[in-house]
Amino acid sequence: QVRLVESGGGSVQAGGSLRLACQASGYTSCMSWFRQAPGKEREGVAAICSGSPYYGASPKGRFTISQDNAKNTMYLQMNRLKPEDTAMYYCAAENTGGSLLSPNEWNAWGQGTQVTVSS
């Protein structure tokens, strides 16, 4: 199973930006970002498969997913952050073939990186 390590989380003020990274132990054609706030279900943020991006409803044009295959690394550029973006962000790999934005369809997960946005 591929191993995943997230980085880049932190605390920012509303309107700020962060860039998350997910380093995989090997090449994987499809990867995704999820987030989970306290007391809420894990939510699909974005996914990328063979260079094609897919976005959930929450980013609404503020987030951009990308992938550097040479580095086995996926990124999530988050701009115009809002307090409601506060959550633990997880990357995932090894999709089962189902929905790219459903957490139930991914077999490999990272430990997560915390994003906190203050108003």
C-alpha atoms as a PDB file:
ATOM      1  CA  GLN A   1       0.000   0.000   0.000  1.00  0.00           C
ATOM      2  CA  VAL A   2       1.287   3.450  -0.871  1.00  0.00           C
ATOM      3  CA  ARG A   3       2.313   5.639   2.063  1.00  0.00           C
ATOM      4  CA  LEU A   4       1.209   9.266   2.167  1.00  0.00           C
ATOM      5  CA  VAL A   5       2.571  12.201   4.146  1.00  0.00           C
ATOM      6  CA  GLU A   6       0.844  15.587   4.205  1.00  0.00           C
ATOM      7  CA  SER A   7       2.483  18.907   4.963  1.00  0.00           C
ATOM      8  CA  GLY A   8       1.815  22.617   4.675  1.00  0.00           C
ATOM      9  CA  GLY A   9      -0.997  23.124   7.147  1.00  0.00           C
ATOM     10  CA  GLY A  10      -1.005  25.971   9.626  1.00  0.00           C
ATOM     11  CA  SER A  11      -2.897  28.918  11.008  1.00  0.00           C
ATOM     12  CA  VAL A  12      -3.847  31.867   8.819  1.00  0.00           C
ATOM     13  CA  GLN A  13      -6.263  34.748   8.903  1.00  0.00           C
ATOM     14  CA  ALA A  14      -9.327  34.830   6.702  1.00  0.00           C
ATOM     15  CA  GLY A  15      -8.429  35.820   3.168  1.00  0.00           C
ATOM     16  CA  GLY A  16      -5.010  34.236   3.403  1.00  0.00           C
ATOM     17  CA  SER A  17      -3.500  31.335   1.477  1.00  0.00           C
ATOM     18  CA  LEU A  18      -1.900  28.002   2.193  1.00  0.00           C
ATOM     19  CA  ARG A  19      -0.378  25.337  -0.011  1.00  0.00           C
ATOM     20  CA  LEU A  20      -0.725  21.762   1.130  1.00  0.00           C
ATOM     21  CA  ALA A  21       1.477  18.968  -0.176  1.00  0.00           C
ATOM     22  CA  CYS A  22       1.050  15.202  -0.106  1.00  0.00           C
ATOM     23  CA  GLN A  23       4.137  13.101  -0.713  1.00  0.00           C
ATOM     24  CA  ALA A  24       3.445   9.557  -1.862  1.00  0.00           C
ATOM     25  CA  SER A  25       5.914   6.677  -1.520  1.00  0.00           C
ATOM     26  CA  GLY A  26       5.338   5.773  -5.146  1.00  0.00           C
ATOM     27  CA  TYR A  27       3.541   6.830  -8.272  1.00  0.00           C
ATOM     28  CA  THR A  28      -0.234   6.826  -8.155  1.00  0.00           C
ATOM     29  CA  SER A  29      -2.381   8.118 -10.989  1.00  0.00           C
ATOM     30  CA  CYS A  30      -5.286   9.243  -8.799  1.00  0.00           C
ATOM     31  CA  MET A  31      -5.062  11.142  -5.545  1.00  0.00           C
ATOM     32  CA  SER A  32      -7.430  13.283  -3.588  1.00  0.00           C
ATOM     33  CA  TRP A  33      -7.845  15.742  -0.750  1.00  0.00           C
ATOM     34  CA  PHE A  34     -10.454  15.398   1.946  1.00  0.00           C
ATOM     35  CA  ARG A  35     -11.124  17.441   5.034  1.00  0.00           C
ATOM     36  CA  GLN A  36     -12.856  16.822   8.311  1.00  0.00           C
ATOM     37  CA  ALA A  37     -13.931  19.403  10.833  1.00  0.00           C
ATOM     38  CA  PRO A  38     -14.779  18.440  14.421  1.00  0.00           C
ATOM     39  CA  GLY A  39     -18.198  16.829  14.594  1.00  0.00           C
ATOM     40  CA  LYS A  40     -18.593  16.677  10.834  1.00  0.00           C
ATOM     41  CA  GLU A  41     -18.221  13.975   8.223  1.00  0.00           C
ATOM     42  CA  ARG A  42     -15.138  13.709   6.065  1.00  0.00           C
ATOM     43  CA  GLU A  43     -15.720  15.817   2.943  1.00  0.00           C
ATOM     44  CA  GLY A  44     -14.210  15.462  -0.500  1.00  0.00           C
ATOM     45  CA  VAL A  45     -12.380  18.656  -1.465  1.00  0.00           C
ATOM     46  CA  ALA A  46     -10.663  17.783  -4.725  1.00  0.00           C
ATOM     47  CA  ALA A  47      -9.197  14.885  -6.659  1.00  0.00           C
ATOM     48  CA  ILE A  48      -6.808  14.548  -9.562  1.00  0.00           C
ATOM     49  CA  CYS A  49      -6.552  11.591 -11.915  1.00  0.00           C
ATOM     50  CA  SER A  50      -4.004  11.463 -14.722  1.00  0.00           C
ATOM     51  CA  GLY A  51      -3.787  15.223 -14.566  1.00  0.00           C
ATOM     52  CA  SER A  52      -7.524  15.889 -14.662  1.00  0.00           C
ATOM     53  CA  PRO A  53      -8.875  17.806 -11.638  1.00  0.00           C
ATOM     54  CA  TYR A  54     -12.201  17.297  -9.946  1.00  0.00           C
ATOM     55  CA  TYR A  55     -13.579  19.570  -7.244  1.00  0.00           C
ATOM     56  CA  GLY A  56     -16.151  19.268  -4.531  1.00  0.00           C
ATOM     57  CA  ALA A  57     -18.678  21.972  -3.828  1.00  0.00           C
ATOM     58  CA  SER A  58     -16.804  23.654  -0.998  1.00  0.00           C
ATOM     59  CA  PRO A  59     -13.739  25.073  -2.815  1.00  0.00           C
ATOM     60  CA  LYS A  60     -15.930  27.014  -5.259  1.00  0.00           C
ATOM     61  CA  GLY A  61     -13.056  28.326  -7.327  1.00  0.00           C
ATOM     62  CA  ARG A  62     -10.766  29.116  -4.394  1.00  0.00           C
ATOM     63  CA  PHE A  63      -8.706  25.894  -4.366  1.00  0.00           C
ATOM     64  CA  THR A  64      -6.499  24.396  -7.075  1.00  0.00           C
ATOM     65  CA  ILE A  65      -5.281  20.807  -7.084  1.00  0.00           C
ATOM     66  CA  SER A  66      -2.153  19.802  -8.965  1.00  0.00           C
ATOM     67  CA  GLN A  67       0.243  16.899  -9.198  1.00  0.00           C
ATOM     68  CA  ASP A  68       3.985  16.598  -9.835  1.00  0.00           C
ATOM     69  CA  ASN A  69       4.499  13.044 -11.055  1.00  0.00           C
ATOM     70  CA  ALA A  70       8.282  13.378 -10.984  1.00  0.00           C
ATOM     71  CA  LYS A  71       8.100  13.999  -7.249  1.00  0.00           C
ATOM     72  CA  ASN A  72       5.108  11.724  -6.526  1.00  0.00           C
ATOM     73  CA  THR A  73       3.563  14.757  -4.870  1.00  0.00           C
ATOM     74  CA  MET A  74       0.104  16.277  -4.988  1.00  0.00           C
ATOM     75  CA  TYR A  75      -0.621  19.856  -3.999  1.00  0.00           C
ATOM     76  CA  LEU A  76      -3.637  21.861  -2.917  1.00  0.00           C
ATOM     77  CA  GLN A  77      -3.331  25.608  -3.319  1.00  0.00           C
ATOM     78  CA  MET A  78      -5.926  27.239  -1.107  1.00  0.00           C
ATOM     79  CA  ASN A  79      -6.685  30.932  -1.612  1.00  0.00           C
ATOM     80  CA  ARG A  80      -9.150  33.337   0.005  1.00  0.00           C
ATOM     81  CA  LEU A  81      -9.451  31.036   2.985  1.00  0.00           C
ATOM     82  CA  LYS A  82     -12.495  31.296   5.211  1.00  0.00           C
ATOM     83  CA  PRO A  83     -13.032  30.252   8.842  1.00  0.00           C
ATOM     84  CA  GLU A  84     -15.290  27.460   7.588  1.00  0.00           C
ATOM     85  CA  ASP A  85     -12.267  25.951   5.816  1.00  0.00           C
ATOM     86  CA  THR A  86     -10.853  25.088   9.233  1.00  0.00           C
ATOM     87  CA  ALA A  87     -10.386  21.318   9.370  1.00  0.00           C
ATOM     88  CA  MET A  88      -7.921  18.479   9.288  1.00  0.00           C
ATOM     89  CA  TYR A  89      -6.954  17.921   5.675  1.00  0.00           C
ATOM     90  CA  TYR A  90      -6.135  14.420   4.491  1.00  0.00           C
ATOM     91  CA  CYS A  91      -4.779  13.090   1.243  1.00  0.00           C
ATOM     92  CA  ALA A  92      -5.853   9.753  -0.136  1.00  0.00           C
ATOM     93  CA  ALA A  93      -4.744   7.353  -2.842  1.00  0.00           C
ATOM     94  CA  GLU A  94      -5.678   3.964  -4.310  1.00  0.00           C
ATOM     95  CA  ASN A  95      -9.224   4.643  -5.436  1.00  0.00           C
ATOM     96  CA  THR A  96     -11.449   1.586  -5.665  1.00  0.00           C
ATOM     97  CA  GLY A  97     -13.010   2.776  -8.900  1.00  0.00           C
ATOM     98  CA  GLY A  98     -15.893   4.572  -7.253  1.00  0.00           C
ATOM     99  CA  SER A  99     -16.656   8.216  -6.669  1.00  0.00           C
ATOM    100  CA  LEU A 100     -13.500  10.327  -6.449  1.00  0.00           C
ATOM    101  CA  LEU A 101     -15.028  12.545  -3.781  1.00  0.00           C
ATOM    102  CA  SER A 102     -16.332   9.801  -1.508  1.00  0.00           C
ATOM    103  CA  PRO A 103     -14.041   8.859   1.376  1.00  0.00           C
ATOM    104  CA  ASN A 104     -15.327   5.285   1.187  1.00  0.00           C
ATOM    105  CA  GLU A 105     -13.678   4.774  -2.205  1.00  0.00           C
ATOM    106  CA  TRP A 106     -10.032   5.275  -1.161  1.00  0.00           C
ATOM    107  CA  ASN A 107      -7.798   2.709   0.512  1.00  0.00           C
ATOM    108  CA  ALA A 108      -4.679   4.663   1.468  1.00  0.00           C
ATOM    109  CA  TRP A 109      -4.702   7.695   3.755  1.00  0.00           C
ATOM    110  CA  GLY A 110      -2.205  10.098   5.204  1.00  0.00           C
ATOM    111  CA  GLN A 111      -2.127  11.260   8.813  1.00  0.00           C
ATOM    112  CA  GLY A 112      -3.572  14.671   8.024  1.00  0.00           C
ATOM    113  CA  THR A 113      -2.442  18.254   8.373  1.00  0.00           C
ATOM    114  CA  GLN A 114      -4.382  20.840  10.351  1.00  0.00           C
ATOM    115  CA  VAL A 115      -5.626  24.035   8.730  1.00  0.00           C
ATOM    116  CA  THR A 116      -6.993  26.746  10.995  1.00  0.00           C
ATOM    117  CA  VAL A 117      -8.453  29.956   9.608  1.00  0.00           C
ATOM    118  CA  SER A 118      -9.251  32.768  12.015  1.00  0.00           C
ATOM    119  CA  SER A 119     -11.662  35.597  11.355  1.00  0.00           C
END
